[in-house]
Protein backbone atom coordinates (compact mmCIF):
# COMPACT_ATOMS: atom_id res chain seq x y z
CA MET A 1 -25.34 43.38 -5.71
CA PHE A 2 -25.51 44.88 -9.11
CA ASP A 3 -28.76 46.57 -10.10
CA PHE A 4 -29.51 46.22 -13.53
CA SER A 5 -32.56 46.72 -16.18
CA GLU A 6 -33.76 44.17 -17.99
CA LYS A 7 -32.59 45.92 -20.90
CA GLU A 8 -29.26 46.97 -19.39
CA LEU A 9 -28.64 43.06 -18.64
CA MET A 10 -29.81 42.10 -22.26
CA GLU A 11 -27.02 44.62 -23.60
CA GLN A 12 -24.70 43.28 -21.60
CA LEU A 13 -25.38 39.80 -22.41
CA ARG A 14 -25.18 40.36 -26.25
CA ASN A 15 -21.86 41.60 -25.37
CA GLY A 16 -20.60 38.47 -23.94
CA ASP A 17 -20.51 39.35 -20.42
CA ASN A 18 -20.12 36.29 -18.11
CA THR A 19 -20.87 39.06 -14.65
CA ALA A 20 -24.53 39.59 -16.93
CA PHE A 21 -25.31 35.77 -17.14
CA GLY A 22 -24.34 35.10 -13.18
CA ILE A 23 -26.91 38.47 -12.09
CA VAL A 24 -29.30 36.60 -14.44
CA PHE A 25 -29.16 33.22 -13.18
CA ARG A 26 -29.44 34.75 -9.35
CA GLN A 27 -32.40 36.72 -10.47
CA HIS A 28 -34.41 33.63 -11.74
CA TYR A 29 -33.19 30.25 -10.86
CA LYS A 30 -35.51 30.25 -7.86
CA GLY A 31 -38.66 31.84 -9.66
CA LEU A 32 -37.57 29.14 -12.65
CA CYS A 33 -37.91 25.80 -10.06
CA ALA A 34 -40.44 27.46 -8.64
CA TYR A 35 -42.64 27.65 -11.98
CA SER A 36 -41.22 24.33 -13.02
CA TYR A 37 -42.31 22.62 -9.48
CA THR A 38 -45.90 23.66 -10.51
CA PHE A 39 -46.27 21.36 -13.55
CA LEU A 40 -43.63 18.59 -12.14
CA LYS A 41 -44.47 18.32 -8.36
CA ASP A 42 -40.91 17.04 -7.95
CA GLN A 43 -38.80 19.44 -6.43
CA ASP A 44 -34.99 17.46 -7.30
CA ALA A 45 -36.58 17.27 -11.55
CA SER A 46 -37.46 20.82 -11.52
CA GLU A 47 -34.33 22.02 -9.80
CA GLU A 48 -32.38 19.35 -12.35
CA ILE A 49 -34.42 20.82 -15.09
CA VAL A 50 -33.53 24.64 -14.57
CA GLN A 51 -30.25 23.56 -14.20
CA ASP A 52 -29.51 21.60 -17.70
CA PHE A 53 -31.30 24.97 -19.06
CA PHE A 54 -29.04 27.23 -17.38
CA ALA A 55 -25.78 25.17 -18.37
CA GLY A 56 -27.16 25.05 -21.98
CA LEU A 57 -27.86 28.74 -22.42
CA TRP A 58 -24.07 28.84 -20.76
CA GLU A 59 -22.82 27.03 -23.09
CA THR A 60 -24.31 28.06 -26.20
CA GLN A 61 -24.41 31.61 -25.12
CA ALA A 62 -28.37 31.70 -26.25
CA LEU A 63 -29.06 34.57 -24.06
CA ARG A 64 -27.05 36.99 -26.99
CA GLU A 65 -29.90 36.09 -29.43
CA VAL A 66 -32.78 36.74 -27.30
CA ASN A 67 -35.30 39.56 -28.82
CA ILE A 68 -38.13 39.13 -26.71
CA SER A 69 -38.69 40.10 -23.02
CA LEU A 70 -35.87 38.00 -21.01
CA LYS A 71 -38.34 36.87 -18.58
CA LEU A 72 -40.85 35.92 -21.26
CA TYR A 73 -38.06 33.87 -22.57
CA LEU A 74 -37.16 32.20 -19.48
CA TYR A 75 -40.09 30.77 -18.20
CA ARG A 76 -41.50 30.02 -21.82
CA SER A 77 -38.56 27.59 -22.15
CA ILE A 78 -39.13 26.35 -18.83
CA HIS A 79 -42.60 25.78 -19.92
CA ASN A 80 -41.82 23.70 -22.97
CA LYS A 81 -38.92 21.81 -21.08
CA CYS A 82 -42.04 20.78 -18.26
CA VAL A 83 -43.91 19.61 -21.19
CA ASN A 84 -41.19 17.77 -22.62
CA TYR A 85 -40.42 15.99 -19.71
CA LEU A 86 -43.73 14.99 -18.63
CA LYS A 87 -44.23 13.52 -22.11
CA SER A 88 -41.00 11.27 -21.71
CA LEU A 89 -42.03 10.22 -18.49
CA ALA A 90 -45.49 9.09 -19.73
CA VAL A 91 -44.03 7.08 -22.33
CA SER A 92 -41.32 5.70 -19.93
CA GLN A 93 -44.23 4.56 -17.56
CA LYS A 94 -46.71 2.88 -20.17
CA ARG A 95 -43.57 1.20 -21.42
CA HIS A 96 -42.57 -0.35 -17.97
CA LYS A 97 -46.03 -0.88 -17.26
CA ARG A 98 -46.24 -2.80 -20.26
CA TYR A 99 -42.96 -4.93 -19.90
CA ILE A 100 -44.79 -5.52 -16.76
CA GLN A 101 -47.84 -6.84 -17.91
CA TYR A 102 -45.80 -8.92 -20.33
CA ALA A 103 -43.48 -10.69 -18.23
CA GLN A 104 -46.70 -11.32 -15.95
CA GLU A 105 -48.22 -13.06 -18.36
CA GLU A 106 -45.13 -15.01 -19.73
CA ASN A 107 -44.76 -16.42 -16.18
CA GLU A 108 -48.13 -17.71 -16.55
CA LEU A 109 -47.57 -18.97 -19.54
CA MET A 110 -44.28 -20.74 -18.43
CA ASN A 111 -45.41 -21.77 -15.41
CA LEU A 112 -44.70 -25.37 -14.94
CA ASP A 113 -41.85 -27.06 -13.29
CA THR A 114 -38.48 -26.29 -14.67
CA GLU A 115 -36.57 -28.64 -12.64
CA SER A 116 -38.23 -31.57 -14.32
CA GLU A 117 -36.06 -33.40 -17.04
CA ILE A 118 -39.78 -33.70 -18.94
CA TYR A 119 -40.09 -30.18 -18.76
CA GLU A 120 -37.05 -30.07 -20.56
CA ARG A 121 -37.63 -32.83 -23.25
CA PHE A 122 -40.59 -31.65 -23.94
CA PHE A 123 -39.42 -28.22 -24.75
CA SER A 124 -36.96 -28.67 -26.38
CA GLU A 125 -38.59 -31.13 -29.04
CA ASN A 126 -42.00 -30.20 -29.10
CA PHE A 127 -42.35 -26.70 -27.62
CA GLU A 128 -43.81 -24.71 -30.80
CA LYS A 129 -45.21 -27.03 -32.15
CA ASN A 130 -47.60 -27.75 -29.11
CA VAL A 131 -48.13 -24.02 -28.56
CA TYR A 132 -49.36 -23.15 -31.59
CA GLU A 133 -51.92 -25.77 -31.58
CA ALA A 134 -52.94 -24.71 -28.13
CA ILE A 135 -52.91 -21.35 -29.45
CA ASP A 136 -55.08 -22.90 -32.44
CA ALA A 137 -57.41 -25.21 -30.31
CA LEU A 138 -58.60 -21.50 -28.31
CA PRO A 139 -62.26 -20.24 -28.83
CA PRO A 140 -62.02 -17.54 -31.80
CA GLN A 141 -62.39 -14.39 -29.61
CA GLN A 142 -59.45 -15.67 -27.17
CA LYS A 143 -57.39 -16.86 -30.03
CA LYS A 144 -58.00 -13.27 -31.74
CA ILE A 145 -57.10 -11.07 -28.53
CA PHE A 146 -53.68 -13.31 -27.39
CA SER A 147 -52.33 -13.10 -31.21
CA LEU A 148 -53.12 -9.58 -31.31
CA SER A 149 -51.39 -9.19 -27.59
CA ARG A 150 -48.57 -11.86 -28.31
CA PHE A 151 -47.92 -11.48 -32.08
CA GLY A 152 -49.39 -8.02 -32.90
CA GLN A 153 -47.51 -6.34 -29.81
CA LYS A 154 -50.74 -4.48 -28.99
CA SER A 155 -51.66 -3.15 -25.99
CA TYR A 156 -55.07 -4.00 -24.33
CA ALA A 157 -56.70 -0.58 -24.77
CA ASP A 158 -55.55 -1.08 -28.14
CA ILE A 159 -57.42 -4.59 -28.98
CA ALA A 160 -59.89 -3.46 -26.96
CA ASN A 161 -60.54 -0.40 -29.50
CA GLU A 162 -59.70 -2.65 -32.78
CA LEU A 163 -62.47 -5.26 -31.32
CA GLY A 164 -65.32 -2.85 -29.63
CA ILE A 165 -65.05 -4.75 -26.35
CA SER A 166 -64.25 -3.19 -23.29
CA VAL A 167 -60.71 -3.27 -21.62
CA ASN A 168 -61.64 -5.72 -18.56
CA SER A 169 -63.34 -7.89 -21.12
CA VAL A 170 -59.35 -8.17 -23.37
CA LYS A 171 -58.35 -8.75 -19.65
CA THR A 172 -60.54 -11.57 -19.39
CA GLN A 173 -60.17 -12.81 -22.21
CA MET A 174 -56.70 -12.64 -22.17
CA SER A 175 -56.21 -14.37 -18.58
CA ARG A 176 -58.87 -17.43 -19.73
CA ALA A 177 -56.48 -17.87 -23.00
CA LEU A 178 -53.50 -17.97 -21.08
CA GLN A 179 -55.33 -20.85 -18.20
CA LYS A 180 -56.33 -22.82 -21.32
CA LEU A 181 -53.04 -22.48 -22.74
CA ARG A 182 -51.20 -23.54 -19.58
CA ALA A 183 -53.48 -26.29 -19.04
CA SER A 184 -53.17 -27.59 -22.58
CA LEU A 185 -49.45 -27.61 -22.57
CA ILE A 186 -49.18 -29.57 -19.27
CA GLY A 187 -51.83 -31.74 -20.81
CA LYS A 188 -49.43 -32.63 -23.29
CA LEU A 189 -46.58 -33.30 -20.78
CA GLY A 190 -48.55 -35.69 -19.68
CA GLU A 191 -49.17 -37.30 -22.87
CA TYR A 192 -45.10 -38.13 -23.17
CA PRO A 193 -44.23 -41.34 -22.14
CA PHE A 194 -40.81 -39.92 -21.69
């Protein structure tokens, strides 16, 4: 194994020495993975971030341009990659949670007998009109919350903030609105002598 100082390694890296890159990788890989793990608490993700980082360094030869401490550069880079990963993960989880919430609400609203001929005729001929009539018949607060959620595509937290009420109040009002809409639509089904 070669024993180079950081200054010697940096000089070799600037000259495009691939052996020096391998030395840097071996010296810092485990430490960077451990550092990444302190943020992510996920061994696989930590290793993947460090591997991707080194692959990017190899392809771009970015270490040739480093003009600060090599160790500082490596750890700062991994820190930034971990922060970006966590931000991306948070956005992804928020989208997934919102999708699940939306799907559950849709299921509640549309929880009717889909096998029925009455259902098919009702929805093909009158669905939109009946839905809007049912929405208009909701109490004002429920109508506003339902509209902000469905048509404004706002989260419960955003609605709560806009209306100055708690998120739990929004959830309760939305649940009641969905129950009333479902009852109204089912009631209208009974009015039609198909």
